[in-house]
């Protein structure tokens, strides 16, 4: 018997309009058709797409295995030119971003993973890729919002639950979570895999100041 090991997904930045459209189709298949999240903003049932204007303004990562799209996440820094999603606007209005300039605040959202690749590994790899890019681009506080089943994963990474319900539907609750690069003691306590990322970022900042 010949056993063929599953192909390990490779994560790449999305670089073309076609790839953005492929990601939007993939999101629709996973989040809307499979998981039933039919109240998400940006749904186009006619074209079977899940996307919005932020897809043209914020970077996307896509994970491929055997030439097939199996995962994606969106990330980026908030700016005066890039309106943050509603959940983050509510968090900022409630004071959860106090003390930070808008350009220091990062967001990651639209996480979607194919059923046969679900589990901690790819979720972690996509989230790590997004957070690494955010930190390297000057992010001091990263916001995400997670379904209850993913809250524990993000807490393991170092995010703190802000306790804000982003959706009104009982079966589609999302919670806004925040990770701060200065929260070193907490990150050390939980053994966050992001410690190395933040350490590299701190060294880089020190060199720039010198």
Protein backbone atom coordinates (compact mmCIF):
# COMPACT_ATOMS: atom_id res chain seq x y z
CA UNK A 1 0.00 0.00 0.00
CA UNK A 2 1.29 3.48 -0.86
CA UNK A 3 0.35 6.19 1.62
CA UNK A 4 0.38 9.74 0.31
CA UNK A 5 0.76 12.41 2.98
CA UNK A 6 -1.51 15.45 2.62
CA UNK A 7 0.20 18.47 1.11
CA UNK A 8 1.19 21.08 3.70
CA UNK A 9 -0.44 24.40 2.80
CA UNK A 10 1.81 27.23 1.62
CA UNK A 11 0.78 30.77 2.52
CA UNK A 12 1.26 33.59 0.00
CA UNK A 13 0.23 37.26 -0.25
CA UNK A 14 -2.65 37.79 -2.66
CA UNK A 15 -1.26 39.77 -5.58
CA UNK A 16 -3.88 40.04 -8.32
CA UNK A 17 -7.53 40.93 -8.92
CA UNK A 18 -8.18 37.34 -9.95
CA UNK A 19 -6.78 36.05 -6.67
CA UNK A 20 -8.95 38.51 -4.73
CA UNK A 21 -12.01 37.21 -6.60
CA UNK A 22 -10.95 33.62 -5.88
CA UNK A 23 -10.65 34.48 -2.18
CA UNK A 24 -14.10 36.09 -2.21
CA UNK A 25 -15.60 32.98 -3.83
CA UNK A 26 -13.82 30.76 -1.30
CA UNK A 27 -15.12 32.84 1.62
CA UNK A 28 -18.65 32.53 0.29
CA UNK A 29 -18.37 28.75 -0.03
CA UNK A 30 -16.95 28.31 3.48
CA UNK A 31 -18.56 31.03 5.58
CA UNK A 32 -21.93 31.40 3.91
CA UNK A 33 -22.80 28.11 2.20
CA UNK A 34 -21.08 25.72 4.59
CA UNK A 35 -21.15 27.48 7.96
CA UNK A 36 -24.35 29.45 7.38
CA UNK A 37 -23.08 32.93 8.34
CA UNK A 38 -25.58 34.65 6.07
CA UNK A 39 -25.65 38.02 7.88
CA UNK A 40 -22.03 38.96 7.18
CA UNK A 41 -21.61 42.29 5.37
CA UNK A 42 -20.52 42.05 1.75
CA UNK A 43 -22.47 38.94 0.71
CA UNK A 44 -23.41 38.76 -2.98
CA UNK A 45 -25.67 35.73 -3.37
CA UNK A 46 -26.13 36.21 -7.10
CA UNK A 47 -22.41 35.96 -7.86
CA UNK A 48 -21.68 33.78 -4.80
CA UNK A 49 -19.06 36.20 -3.45
CA UNK A 50 -18.22 37.47 0.02
CA UNK A 51 -16.21 40.66 -0.25
CA UNK A 52 -16.23 44.41 0.31
CA UNK A 53 -14.24 47.53 -0.58
CA UNK A 54 -11.64 46.72 2.10
CA UNK A 55 -10.43 43.83 -0.06
CA UNK A 56 -8.96 46.44 -2.40
CA UNK A 57 -7.41 48.44 0.46
CA UNK A 58 -6.05 45.83 2.86
CA UNK A 59 -3.61 42.96 2.16
CA UNK A 60 -4.85 39.37 1.98
CA UNK A 61 -3.09 36.07 2.60
CA UNK A 62 -4.14 32.87 0.87
CA UNK A 63 -3.07 29.32 1.72
CA UNK A 64 -2.79 26.74 -1.07
CA UNK A 65 -2.38 22.97 -0.85
CA UNK A 66 -1.90 20.95 -4.03
CA UNK A 67 -2.82 24.00 -6.09
CA UNK A 68 -6.15 24.39 -4.24
CA UNK A 69 -7.13 27.39 -2.10
CA UNK A 70 -7.68 26.08 1.45
CA UNK A 71 -7.47 29.15 3.68
CA UNK A 72 -7.38 32.94 3.78
CA UNK A 73 -7.14 35.89 6.16
CA UNK A 74 -7.18 39.69 5.72
CA UNK A 75 -5.00 42.13 7.64
CA UNK A 76 -3.96 45.74 7.65
CA UNK A 77 -3.34 48.93 9.60
CA UNK A 78 -6.19 51.30 10.30
CA UNK A 79 -5.72 54.75 8.79
CA UNK A 80 -7.76 57.84 8.05
CA UNK A 81 -8.08 56.59 4.48
CA UNK A 82 -9.13 53.05 5.46
CA UNK A 83 -12.38 52.90 7.38
CA UNK A 84 -12.19 50.02 9.88
CA UNK A 85 -14.98 47.42 9.94
CA UNK A 86 -18.02 48.15 12.11
CA UNK A 87 -16.92 45.84 14.94
CA UNK A 88 -13.62 47.68 15.29
CA UNK A 89 -15.28 51.10 15.03
CA UNK A 90 -17.46 50.10 17.97
CA UNK A 91 -14.43 48.94 19.95
CA UNK A 92 -12.58 52.20 19.27
CA UNK A 93 -15.66 54.27 20.13
CA UNK A 94 -15.87 52.40 23.44
CA UNK A 95 -12.32 53.46 24.28
CA UNK A 96 -10.55 50.15 23.67
CA UNK A 97 -8.05 51.81 21.35
CA UNK A 98 -7.34 54.75 23.64
CA UNK A 99 -3.70 55.76 23.72
CA UNK A 100 -2.95 54.58 20.18
CA UNK A 101 -2.73 56.50 16.94
CA UNK A 102 -4.97 55.06 14.26
CA UNK A 103 -1.91 54.06 12.22
CA UNK A 104 -0.73 51.89 15.16
CA UNK A 105 -3.91 49.83 15.22
CA UNK A 106 -4.06 46.66 13.14
CA UNK A 107 -6.99 44.47 12.20
CA UNK A 108 -7.25 40.91 10.97
CA UNK A 109 -10.51 39.38 9.83
CA UNK A 110 -12.23 37.24 7.20
CA UNK A 111 -10.49 34.07 8.36
CA UNK A 112 -11.81 31.10 6.38
CA UNK A 113 -10.39 27.57 6.23
CA UNK A 114 -11.48 24.55 4.20
CA UNK A 115 -13.04 21.72 6.20
CA UNK A 116 -10.22 19.25 5.51
CA UNK A 117 -7.62 21.72 6.83
CA UNK A 118 -9.48 22.96 9.89
CA UNK A 119 -7.78 22.73 13.24
CA UNK A 120 -5.17 24.67 15.15
CA UNK A 121 -2.29 24.48 12.64
CA UNK A 122 -3.55 26.45 9.62
CA UNK A 123 -5.56 28.88 11.77
CA UNK A 124 -2.36 29.56 13.71
CA UNK A 125 -0.20 29.90 10.59
CA UNK A 126 -2.58 32.35 8.93
CA UNK A 127 -2.99 34.40 12.12
CA UNK A 128 0.78 34.42 12.68
CA UNK A 129 1.44 35.57 9.11
CA UNK A 130 -1.07 38.41 9.54
CA UNK A 131 0.26 39.51 12.94
CA UNK A 132 3.89 39.30 11.82
CA UNK A 133 3.10 41.62 8.91
CA UNK A 134 1.19 44.01 11.17
CA UNK A 135 4.03 44.27 13.69
CA UNK A 136 6.61 44.77 10.94
CA UNK A 137 4.48 47.65 9.64
CA UNK A 138 4.31 49.44 12.99
CA UNK A 139 1.23 47.92 14.63
CA UNK A 140 1.03 48.34 18.42
CA UNK A 141 -2.46 46.93 19.00
CA UNK A 142 -4.15 44.32 16.81
CA UNK A 143 -7.91 43.77 16.81
CA UNK A 144 -9.71 40.69 15.58
CA UNK A 145 -13.18 39.31 16.12
CA UNK A 146 -13.78 35.63 16.56
CA UNK A 147 -16.56 33.09 16.69
CA UNK A 148 -16.78 31.39 20.10
CA UNK A 149 -15.08 28.26 18.74
CA UNK A 150 -11.98 30.32 17.84
CA UNK A 151 -11.79 32.50 20.96
CA UNK A 152 -9.64 29.98 22.81
CA UNK A 153 -7.17 29.86 19.88
CA UNK A 154 -6.76 33.64 19.87
CA UNK A 155 -6.40 33.70 23.65
CA UNK A 156 -3.56 31.20 23.31
CA UNK A 157 -1.90 33.62 20.90
CA UNK A 158 -2.17 36.46 23.40
CA UNK A 159 -5.39 38.23 22.46
CA UNK A 160 -7.62 39.42 25.29
CA UNK A 161 -11.40 39.18 25.02
CA UNK A 162 -12.93 42.67 25.17
CA UNK A 163 -16.38 41.25 25.75
CA UNK A 164 -18.12 42.99 22.85
CA UNK A 165 -20.74 41.11 20.88
CA UNK A 166 -20.29 42.13 17.26
CA UNK A 167 -23.37 40.40 15.81
CA UNK A 168 -26.90 40.38 17.11
CA UNK A 169 -27.83 36.87 16.00
CA UNK A 170 -27.54 34.33 18.81
CA UNK A 171 -25.98 31.69 16.57
CA UNK A 172 -23.58 34.12 14.89
CA UNK A 173 -21.94 35.81 17.87
CA UNK A 174 -18.50 37.27 17.36
CA UNK A 175 -16.33 38.80 20.05
CA UNK A 176 -13.83 41.60 19.53
CA UNK A 177 -10.38 40.67 20.82
CA UNK A 178 -7.21 42.74 21.15
CA UNK A 179 -3.51 41.89 21.27
CA UNK A 180 -0.99 44.51 22.40
CA UNK A 181 2.68 44.27 21.50
CA UNK A 182 3.61 45.89 24.85
CA UNK A 183 1.76 43.20 26.83
CA UNK A 184 5.01 41.28 27.31
CA UNK A 185 4.30 39.81 30.75
CA UNK A 186 0.99 38.36 29.62
CA UNK A 187 2.52 36.96 26.44
CA UNK A 188 5.34 35.33 28.41
CA UNK A 189 2.90 33.91 30.95
CA UNK A 190 0.85 32.11 28.32
CA UNK A 191 3.86 31.21 26.14
CA UNK A 192 2.54 33.09 23.12
CA UNK A 193 4.16 32.10 19.80
CA UNK A 194 4.20 35.81 18.97
CA UNK A 195 6.94 36.59 21.50
CA UNK A 196 9.62 36.00 18.87
CA UNK A 197 7.84 38.28 16.42
CA UNK A 198 7.59 41.10 18.93
CA UNK A 199 11.20 40.58 20.00
CA UNK A 200 12.38 41.00 16.41
CA UNK A 201 10.20 44.08 16.02
CA UNK A 202 11.63 45.62 19.21
CA UNK A 203 15.22 45.08 18.04
CA UNK A 204 14.38 46.69 14.74
CA UNK A 205 12.80 49.71 16.47
CA UNK A 206 15.88 50.11 18.65
CA UNK A 207 18.15 50.17 15.60
CA UNK A 208 15.95 52.75 13.89
CA UNK A 209 16.04 55.02 16.94
CA UNK A 210 19.83 54.84 17.03
